[in-house]
Amino acid sequence: MTKPNFVLKRTKAIFSDESNRDIQNKIYLDYINKRDKEISKSCYCGHTVECDCGNPSFEEFKNNLLNNNINERSLFE
């Protein structure tokens, strides 16, 4: 078990550095795959708790991650 918010903090650090593009793409695709399997989708846009928005683009994902609209539970379970 990891410390609370460890995954989120590490993911934000990865997305803050443009040299990590390959790792960023993997994290993004893992997020999309996880989200596609959810029945009740967690919101990435910050408008609500549960979301009926389509999947975010890479840039939408990155911006919302860095702006705290994506929580650790959405990234990892």
PDB file of N, CA and C in Angstrom:
ATOM      1  N   MET A   1       0.841  -1.186   0.000  1.00  0.00           N
ATOM      2  CA  MET A   1       0.000   0.000   0.000  1.00  0.00           C
ATOM      3  C   MET A   1       0.884   1.246   0.000  1.00  0.00           C
ATOM      4  N   THR A   2       0.529   2.210  -0.817  1.00  0.00           N
ATOM      5  CA  THR A   2       1.311   3.441  -0.891  1.00  0.00           C
ATOM      6  C   THR A   2       0.733   4.501   0.030  1.00  0.00           C
ATOM      7  N   LYS A   3       1.527   5.522   0.297  1.00  0.00           N
ATOM      8  CA  LYS A   3       1.059   6.640   1.102  1.00  0.00           C
ATOM      9  C   LYS A   3      -0.032   7.380   0.338  1.00  0.00           C
ATOM     10  N   PRO A   4      -0.972   7.986   1.060  1.00  0.00           N
ATOM     11  CA  PRO A   4      -2.035   8.740   0.384  1.00  0.00           C
ATOM     12  C   PRO A   4      -1.452   9.815  -0.541  1.00  0.00           C
ATOM     13  N   ASN A   5      -2.004   9.885  -1.734  1.00  0.00           N
ATOM     14  CA  ASN A   5      -1.646  10.865  -2.755  1.00  0.00           C
ATOM     15  C   ASN A   5      -0.242  10.700  -3.341  1.00  0.00           C
ATOM     16  N   PHE A   6       0.460   9.625  -3.013  1.00  0.00           N
ATOM     17  CA  PHE A   6       1.788   9.396  -3.587  1.00  0.00           C
ATOM     18  C   PHE A   6       1.718   9.274  -5.106  1.00  0.00           C
ATOM     19  N   VAL A   7       0.777   8.457  -5.589  1.00  0.00           N
ATOM     20  CA  VAL A   7       0.639   8.232  -7.032  1.00  0.00           C
ATOM     21  C   VAL A   7       0.278   9.546  -7.727  1.00  0.00           C
ATOM     22  N   LEU A   8      -0.629  10.297  -7.142  1.00  0.00           N
ATOM     23  CA  LEU A   8      -1.045  11.566  -7.729  1.00  0.00           C
ATOM     24  C   LEU A   8       0.124  12.544  -7.804  1.00  0.00           C
ATOM     25  N   LYS A   9       0.866  12.678  -6.734  1.00  0.00           N
ATOM     26  CA  LYS A   9       2.009  13.599  -6.726  1.00  0.00           C
ATOM     27  C   LYS A   9       3.067  13.181  -7.741  1.00  0.00           C
ATOM     28  N   ARG A  10       3.344  11.890  -7.808  1.00  0.00           N
ATOM     29  CA  ARG A  10       4.336  11.380  -8.759  1.00  0.00           C
ATOM     30  C   ARG A  10       3.874  11.601 -10.202  1.00  0.00           C
ATOM     31  N   THR A  11       2.598  11.371 -10.457  1.00  0.00           N
ATOM     32  CA  THR A  11       2.048  11.561 -11.796  1.00  0.00           C
ATOM     33  C   THR A  11       2.107  13.027 -12.205  1.00  0.00           C
ATOM     34  N   LYS A  12       1.782  13.922 -11.296  1.00  0.00           N
ATOM     35  CA  LYS A  12       1.874  15.352 -11.594  1.00  0.00           C
ATOM     36  C   LYS A  12       3.315  15.754 -11.913  1.00  0.00           C
ATOM     37  N   ALA A  13       4.274  15.204 -11.172  1.00  0.00           N
ATOM     38  CA  ALA A  13       5.681  15.510 -11.436  1.00  0.00           C
ATOM     39  C   ALA A  13       6.081  15.039 -12.836  1.00  0.00           C
ATOM     40  N   ILE A  14       5.612  13.873 -13.221  1.00  0.00           N
ATOM     41  CA  ILE A  14       5.914  13.337 -14.556  1.00  0.00           C
ATOM     42  C   ILE A  14       5.328  14.247 -15.636  1.00  0.00           C
ATOM     43  N   PHE A  15       4.118  14.734 -15.428  1.00  0.00           N
ATOM     44  CA  PHE A  15       3.476  15.582 -16.432  1.00  0.00           C
ATOM     45  C   PHE A  15       3.977  17.024 -16.399  1.00  0.00           C
ATOM     46  N   SER A  16       4.738  17.387 -15.399  1.00  0.00           N
ATOM     47  CA  SER A  16       5.332  18.723 -15.334  1.00  0.00           C
ATOM     48  C   SER A  16       6.630  18.814 -16.124  1.00  0.00           C
ATOM     49  N   ASP A  17       7.159  17.690 -16.532  1.00  0.00           N
ATOM     50  CA  ASP A  17       8.435  17.630 -17.252  1.00  0.00           C
ATOM     51  C   ASP A  17       8.188  17.103 -18.665  1.00  0.00           C
ATOM     52  N   GLU A  18       8.406  17.931 -19.659  1.00  0.00           N
ATOM     53  CA  GLU A  18       8.138  17.560 -21.059  1.00  0.00           C
ATOM     54  C   GLU A  18       9.036  16.434 -21.571  1.00  0.00           C
ATOM     55  N   SER A  19      10.117  16.138 -20.894  1.00  0.00           N
ATOM     56  CA  SER A  19      11.018  15.078 -21.360  1.00  0.00           C
ATOM     57  C   SER A  19      10.465  13.678 -21.077  1.00  0.00           C
ATOM     58  N   ASN A  20       9.365  13.598 -20.348  1.00  0.00           N
ATOM     59  CA  ASN A  20       8.762  12.314 -19.985  1.00  0.00           C
ATOM     60  C   ASN A  20       7.617  11.932 -20.907  1.00  0.00           C
ATOM     61  N   ARG A  21       7.656  12.294 -22.162  1.00  0.00           N
ATOM     62  CA  ARG A  21       6.515  12.104 -23.067  1.00  0.00           C
ATOM     63  C   ARG A  21       6.089  10.635 -23.204  1.00  0.00           C
ATOM     64  N   ASP A  22       7.026   9.704 -23.293  1.00  0.00           N
ATOM     65  CA  ASP A  22       6.661   8.286 -23.417  1.00  0.00           C
ATOM     66  C   ASP A  22       5.919   7.795 -22.178  1.00  0.00           C
ATOM     67  N   ILE A  23       6.408   8.169 -21.006  1.00  0.00           N
ATOM     68  CA  ILE A  23       5.752   7.776 -19.758  1.00  0.00           C
ATOM     69  C   ILE A  23       4.385   8.453 -19.656  1.00  0.00           C
ATOM     70  N   GLN A  24       4.312   9.726 -20.058  1.00  0.00           N
ATOM     71  CA  GLN A  24       3.039  10.445 -20.039  1.00  0.00           C
ATOM     72  C   GLN A  24       2.011   9.745 -20.914  1.00  0.00           C
ATOM     73  N   ASN A  25       2.413   9.329 -22.107  1.00  0.00           N
ATOM     74  CA  ASN A  25       1.485   8.639 -23.006  1.00  0.00           C
ATOM     75  C   ASN A  25       0.987   7.338 -22.394  1.00  0.00           C
ATOM     76  N   LYS A  26       1.860   6.596 -21.726  1.00  0.00           N
ATOM     77  CA  LYS A  26       1.458   5.347 -21.088  1.00  0.00           C
ATOM     78  C   LYS A  26       0.451   5.616 -19.970  1.00  0.00           C
ATOM     79  N   ILE A  27       0.728   6.606 -19.143  1.00  0.00           N
ATOM     80  CA  ILE A  27      -0.186   6.954 -18.050  1.00  0.00           C
ATOM     81  C   ILE A  27      -1.533   7.385 -18.610  1.00  0.00           C
ATOM     82  N   TYR A  28      -1.508   8.206 -19.661  1.00  0.00           N
ATOM     83  CA  TYR A  28      -2.753   8.665 -20.290  1.00  0.00           C
ATOM     84  C   TYR A  28      -3.560   7.480 -20.820  1.00  0.00           C
ATOM     85  N   LEU A  29      -2.922   6.572 -21.539  1.00  0.00           N
ATOM     86  CA  LEU A  29      -3.633   5.419 -22.090  1.00  0.00           C
ATOM     87  C   LEU A  29      -4.151   4.500 -20.992  1.00  0.00           C
ATOM     88  N   ASP A  30      -3.378   4.330 -19.920  1.00  0.00           N
ATOM     89  CA  ASP A  30      -3.852   3.535 -18.777  1.00  0.00           C
ATOM     90  C   ASP A  30      -5.093   4.184 -18.149  1.00  0.00           C
ATOM     91  N   TYR A  31      -5.079   5.511 -18.037  1.00  0.00           N
ATOM     92  CA  TYR A  31      -6.223   6.243 -17.491  1.00  0.00           C
ATOM     93  C   TYR A  31      -7.457   6.036 -18.375  1.00  0.00           C
ATOM     94  N   ILE A  32      -7.289   6.166 -19.685  1.00  0.00           N
ATOM     95  CA  ILE A  32      -8.403   5.993 -20.620  1.00  0.00           C
ATOM     96  C   ILE A  32      -8.949   4.564 -20.534  1.00  0.00           C
ATOM     97  N   ASN A  33      -8.063   3.577 -20.491  1.00  0.00           N
ATOM     98  CA  ASN A  33      -8.510   2.179 -20.373  1.00  0.00           C
ATOM     99  C   ASN A  33      -9.264   1.947 -19.079  1.00  0.00           C
ATOM    100  N   LYS A  34      -8.758   2.489 -17.979  1.00  0.00           N
ATOM    101  CA  LYS A  34      -9.435   2.350 -16.686  1.00  0.00           C
ATOM    102  C   LYS A  34     -10.794   3.043 -16.731  1.00  0.00           C
ATOM    103  N   ARG A  35     -10.835   4.229 -17.299  1.00  0.00           N
ATOM    104  CA  ARG A  35     -12.083   4.998 -17.367  1.00  0.00           C
ATOM    105  C   ARG A  35     -13.118   4.306 -18.250  1.00  0.00           C
ATOM    106  N   ASP A  36     -12.664   3.695 -19.342  1.00  0.00           N
ATOM    107  CA  ASP A  36     -13.586   2.985 -20.235  1.00  0.00           C
ATOM    108  C   ASP A  36     -14.274   1.816 -19.536  1.00  0.00           C
ATOM    109  N   LYS A  37     -13.624   1.240 -18.538  1.00  0.00           N
ATOM    110  CA  LYS A  37     -14.184   0.090 -17.820  1.00  0.00           C
ATOM    111  C   LYS A  37     -15.132   0.497 -16.696  1.00  0.00           C
ATOM    112  N   GLU A  38     -15.115   1.771 -16.312  1.00  0.00           N
ATOM    113  CA  GLU A  38     -15.964   2.239 -15.219  1.00  0.00           C
ATOM    114  C   GLU A  38     -17.412   2.363 -15.663  1.00  0.00           C
ATOM    115  N   ILE A  39     -18.318   1.947 -14.821  1.00  0.00           N
ATOM    116  CA  ILE A  39     -19.741   2.136 -15.091  1.00  0.00           C
ATOM    117  C   ILE A  39     -20.118   3.579 -14.755  1.00  0.00           C
ATOM    118  N   SER A  40     -19.719   4.013 -13.580  1.00  0.00           N
ATOM    119  CA  SER A  40     -19.949   5.374 -13.133  1.00  0.00           C
ATOM    120  C   SER A  40     -18.622   6.119 -13.256  1.00  0.00           C
ATOM    121  N   LYS A  41     -18.481   6.922 -14.285  1.00  0.00           N
ATOM    122  CA  LYS A  41     -17.200   7.559 -14.602  1.00  0.00           C
ATOM    123  C   LYS A  41     -16.933   8.755 -13.704  1.00  0.00           C
ATOM    124  N   SER A  42     -15.722   8.814 -13.165  1.00  0.00           N
ATOM    125  CA  SER A  42     -15.348   9.959 -12.356  1.00  0.00           C
ATOM    126  C   SER A  42     -15.040  11.137 -13.283  1.00  0.00           C
ATOM    127  N   CYS A  43     -15.379  12.318 -12.836  1.00  0.00           N
ATOM    128  CA  CYS A  43     -15.255  13.522 -13.645  1.00  0.00           C
ATOM    129  C   CYS A  43     -13.805  13.987 -13.705  1.00  0.00           C
ATOM    130  N   TYR A  44     -13.347  14.325 -14.887  1.00  0.00           N
ATOM    131  CA  TYR A  44     -12.006  14.889 -15.050  1.00  0.00           C
ATOM    132  C   TYR A  44     -12.069  16.396 -15.305  1.00  0.00           C
ATOM    133  N   CYS A  45     -13.249  16.901 -15.636  1.00  0.00           N
ATOM    134  CA  CYS A  45     -13.358  18.305 -16.021  1.00  0.00           C
ATOM    135  C   CYS A  45     -13.649  19.231 -14.833  1.00  0.00           C
ATOM    136  N   GLY A  46     -13.931  18.651 -13.673  1.00  0.00           N
ATOM    137  CA  GLY A  46     -14.145  19.451 -12.480  1.00  0.00           C
ATOM    138  C   GLY A  46     -15.560  19.978 -12.314  1.00  0.00           C
ATOM    139  N   HIS A  47     -16.483  19.562 -13.187  1.00  0.00           N
ATOM    140  CA  HIS A  47     -17.847  20.075 -13.116  1.00  0.00           C
ATOM    141  C   HIS A  47     -18.735  19.325 -12.142  1.00  0.00           C
ATOM    142  N   THR A  48     -18.456  18.051 -11.941  1.00  0.00           N
ATOM    143  CA  THR A  48     -19.332  17.213 -11.126  1.00  0.00           C
ATOM    144  C   THR A  48     -18.524  16.046 -10.577  1.00  0.00           C
ATOM    145  N   VAL A  49     -19.145  15.167  -9.819  1.00  0.00           N
ATOM    146  CA  VAL A  49     -18.460  13.998  -9.286  1.00  0.00           C
ATOM    147  C   VAL A  49     -18.494  12.867 -10.302  1.00  0.00           C
ATOM    148  N   GLU A  50     -19.684  12.588 -10.827  1.00  0.00           N
ATOM    149  CA  GLU A  50     -19.820  11.581 -11.869  1.00  0.00           C
ATOM    150  C   GLU A  50     -20.028  12.300 -13.193  1.00  0.00           C
ATOM    151  N   CYS A  51     -19.519  11.731 -14.261  1.00  0.00           N
ATOM    152  CA  CYS A  51     -19.392  12.454 -15.518  1.00  0.00           C
ATOM    153  C   CYS A  51     -19.978  11.670 -16.683  1.00  0.00           C
ATOM    154  N   ASP A  52     -20.641  12.388 -17.588  1.00  0.00           N
ATOM    155  CA  ASP A  52     -21.061  11.749 -18.828  1.00  0.00           C
ATOM    156  C   ASP A  52     -20.297  12.316 -20.021  1.00  0.00           C
ATOM    157  N   CYS A  53     -19.236  13.057 -19.744  1.00  0.00           N
ATOM    158  CA  CYS A  53     -18.364  13.572 -20.800  1.00  0.00           C
ATOM    159  C   CYS A  53     -17.609  12.404 -21.435  1.00  0.00           C
ATOM    160  N   GLY A  54     -17.242  12.552 -22.685  1.00  0.00           N
ATOM    161  CA  GLY A  54     -16.394  11.557 -23.329  1.00  0.00           C
ATOM    162  C   GLY A  54     -15.004  11.592 -22.712  1.00  0.00           C
ATOM    163  N   ASN A  55     -14.149  10.707 -23.157  1.00  0.00           N
ATOM    164  CA  ASN A  55     -12.785  10.687 -22.640  1.00  0.00           C
ATOM    165  C   ASN A  55     -12.039  11.956 -23.046  1.00  0.00           C
ATOM    166  N   PRO A  56     -11.160  12.428 -22.174  1.00  0.00           N
ATOM    167  CA  PRO A  56     -10.408  13.638 -22.489  1.00  0.00           C
ATOM    168  C   PRO A  56      -9.310  13.367 -23.516  1.00  0.00           C
ATOM    169  N   SER A  57      -8.956  14.401 -24.249  1.00  0.00           N
ATOM    170  CA  SER A  57      -7.774  14.315 -25.101  1.00  0.00           C
ATOM    171  C   SER A  57      -6.550  14.305 -24.184  1.00  0.00           C
ATOM    172  N   PHE A  58      -5.402  14.042 -24.740  1.00  0.00           N
ATOM    173  CA  PHE A  58      -4.167  14.041 -23.948  1.00  0.00           C
ATOM    174  C   PHE A  58      -3.991  15.384 -23.252  1.00  0.00           C
ATOM    175  N   GLU A  59      -4.170  16.483 -23.993  1.00  0.00           N
ATOM    176  CA  GLU A  59      -3.970  17.815 -23.415  1.00  0.00           C
ATOM    177  C   GLU A  59      -5.005  18.127 -22.336  1.00  0.00           C
ATOM    178  N   GLU A  60      -6.257  17.725 -22.551  1.00  0.00           N
ATOM    179  CA  GLU A  60      -7.285  17.920 -21.517  1.00  0.00           C
ATOM    180  C   GLU A  60      -6.921  17.149 -20.258  1.00  0.00           C
ATOM    181  N   PHE A  61      -6.470  15.907 -20.439  1.00  0.00           N
ATOM    182  CA  PHE A  61      -6.063  15.092 -19.302  1.00  0.00           C
ATOM    183  C   PHE A  61      -4.933  15.777 -18.537  1.00  0.00           C
ATOM    184  N   LYS A  62      -3.908  16.194 -19.259  1.00  0.00           N
ATOM    185  CA  LYS A  62      -2.749  16.833 -18.631  1.00  0.00           C
ATOM    186  C   LYS A  62      -3.156  18.095 -17.876  1.00  0.00           C
ATOM    187  N   ASN A  63      -3.923  18.966 -18.518  1.00  0.00           N
ATOM    188  CA  ASN A  63      -4.341  20.215 -17.873  1.00  0.00           C
ATOM    189  C   ASN A  63      -5.184  19.963 -16.635  1.00  0.00           C
ATOM    190  N   ASN A  64      -6.111  19.026 -16.715  1.00  0.00           N
ATOM    191  CA  ASN A  64      -6.970  18.748 -15.561  1.00  0.00           C
ATOM    192  C   ASN A  64      -6.227  18.023 -14.454  1.00  0.00           C
ATOM    193  N   LEU A  65      -5.253  17.202 -14.803  1.00  0.00           N
ATOM    194  CA  LEU A  65      -4.412  16.571 -13.786  1.00  0.00           C
ATOM    195  C   LEU A  65      -3.636  17.637 -13.021  1.00  0.00           C
ATOM    196  N   LEU A  66      -2.987  18.521 -13.744  1.00  0.00           N
ATOM    197  CA  LEU A  66      -2.167  19.549 -13.102  1.00  0.00           C
ATOM    198  C   LEU A  66      -2.998  20.593 -12.360  1.00  0.00           C
ATOM    199  N   ASN A  67      -4.290  20.707 -12.705  1.00  0.00           N
ATOM    200  CA  ASN A  67      -5.187  21.647 -12.021  1.00  0.00           C
ATOM    201  C   ASN A  67      -6.044  20.992 -10.950  1.00  0.00           C
ATOM    202  N   ASN A  68      -5.654  19.782 -10.547  1.00  0.00           N
ATOM    203  CA  ASN A  68      -6.299  19.072  -9.436  1.00  0.00           C
ATOM    204  C   ASN A  68      -7.736  18.643  -9.698  1.00  0.00           C
ATOM    205  N   ASN A  69      -8.134  18.463 -10.945  1.00  0.00           N
ATOM    206  CA  ASN A  69      -9.479  17.969 -11.243  1.00  0.00           C
ATOM    207  C   ASN A  69      -9.521  16.450 -11.342  1.00  0.00           C
ATOM    208  N   ILE A  70      -8.370  15.819 -11.376  1.00  0.00           N
ATOM    209  CA  ILE A  70      -8.282  14.361 -11.415  1.00  0.00           C
ATOM    210  C   ILE A  70      -7.684  13.909 -10.093  1.00  0.00           C
ATOM    211  N   ASN A  71      -8.376  13.004  -9.417  1.00  0.00           N
ATOM    212  CA  ASN A  71      -7.887  12.549  -8.119  1.00  0.00           C
ATOM    213  C   ASN A  71      -7.134  11.224  -8.250  1.00  0.00           C
ATOM    214  N   GLU A  72      -6.491  10.837  -7.186  1.00  0.00           N
ATOM    215  CA  GLU A  72      -5.681   9.612  -7.194  1.00  0.00           C
ATOM    216  C   GLU A  72      -6.519   8.379  -7.482  1.00  0.00           C
ATOM    217  N   ARG A  73      -7.713   8.329  -6.959  1.00  0.00           N
ATOM    218  CA  ARG A  73      -8.597   7.177  -7.187  1.00  0.00           C
ATOM    219  C   ARG A  73      -8.865   6.972  -8.679  1.00  0.00           C
ATOM    220  N   SER A  74      -8.930   8.069  -9.421  1.00  0.00           N
ATOM    221  CA  SER A  74      -9.162   7.982 -10.857  1.00  0.00           C
ATOM    222  C   SER A  74      -7.964   7.411 -11.603  1.00  0.00           C
ATOM    223  N   LEU A  75      -6.786   7.543 -11.014  1.00  0.00           N
ATOM    224  CA  LEU A  75      -5.560   7.078 -11.652  1.00  0.00           C
ATOM    225  C   LEU A  75      -5.205   5.640 -11.290  1.00  0.00           C
ATOM    226  N   PHE A  76      -5.523   5.271 -10.056  1.00  0.00           N
ATOM    227  CA  PHE A  76      -4.970   4.032  -9.514  1.00  0.00           C
ATOM    228  C   PHE A  76      -5.919   3.436  -8.495  1.00  0.00           C
ATOM    229  N   GLU A  77      -6.055   2.118  -8.551  1.00  0.00           N
ATOM    230  CA  GLU A  77      -6.813   1.420  -7.501  1.00  0.00           C
ATOM    231  C   GLU A  77      -6.215   0.079  -7.248  1.00  0.00           C
TER     232      GLU A  77
END
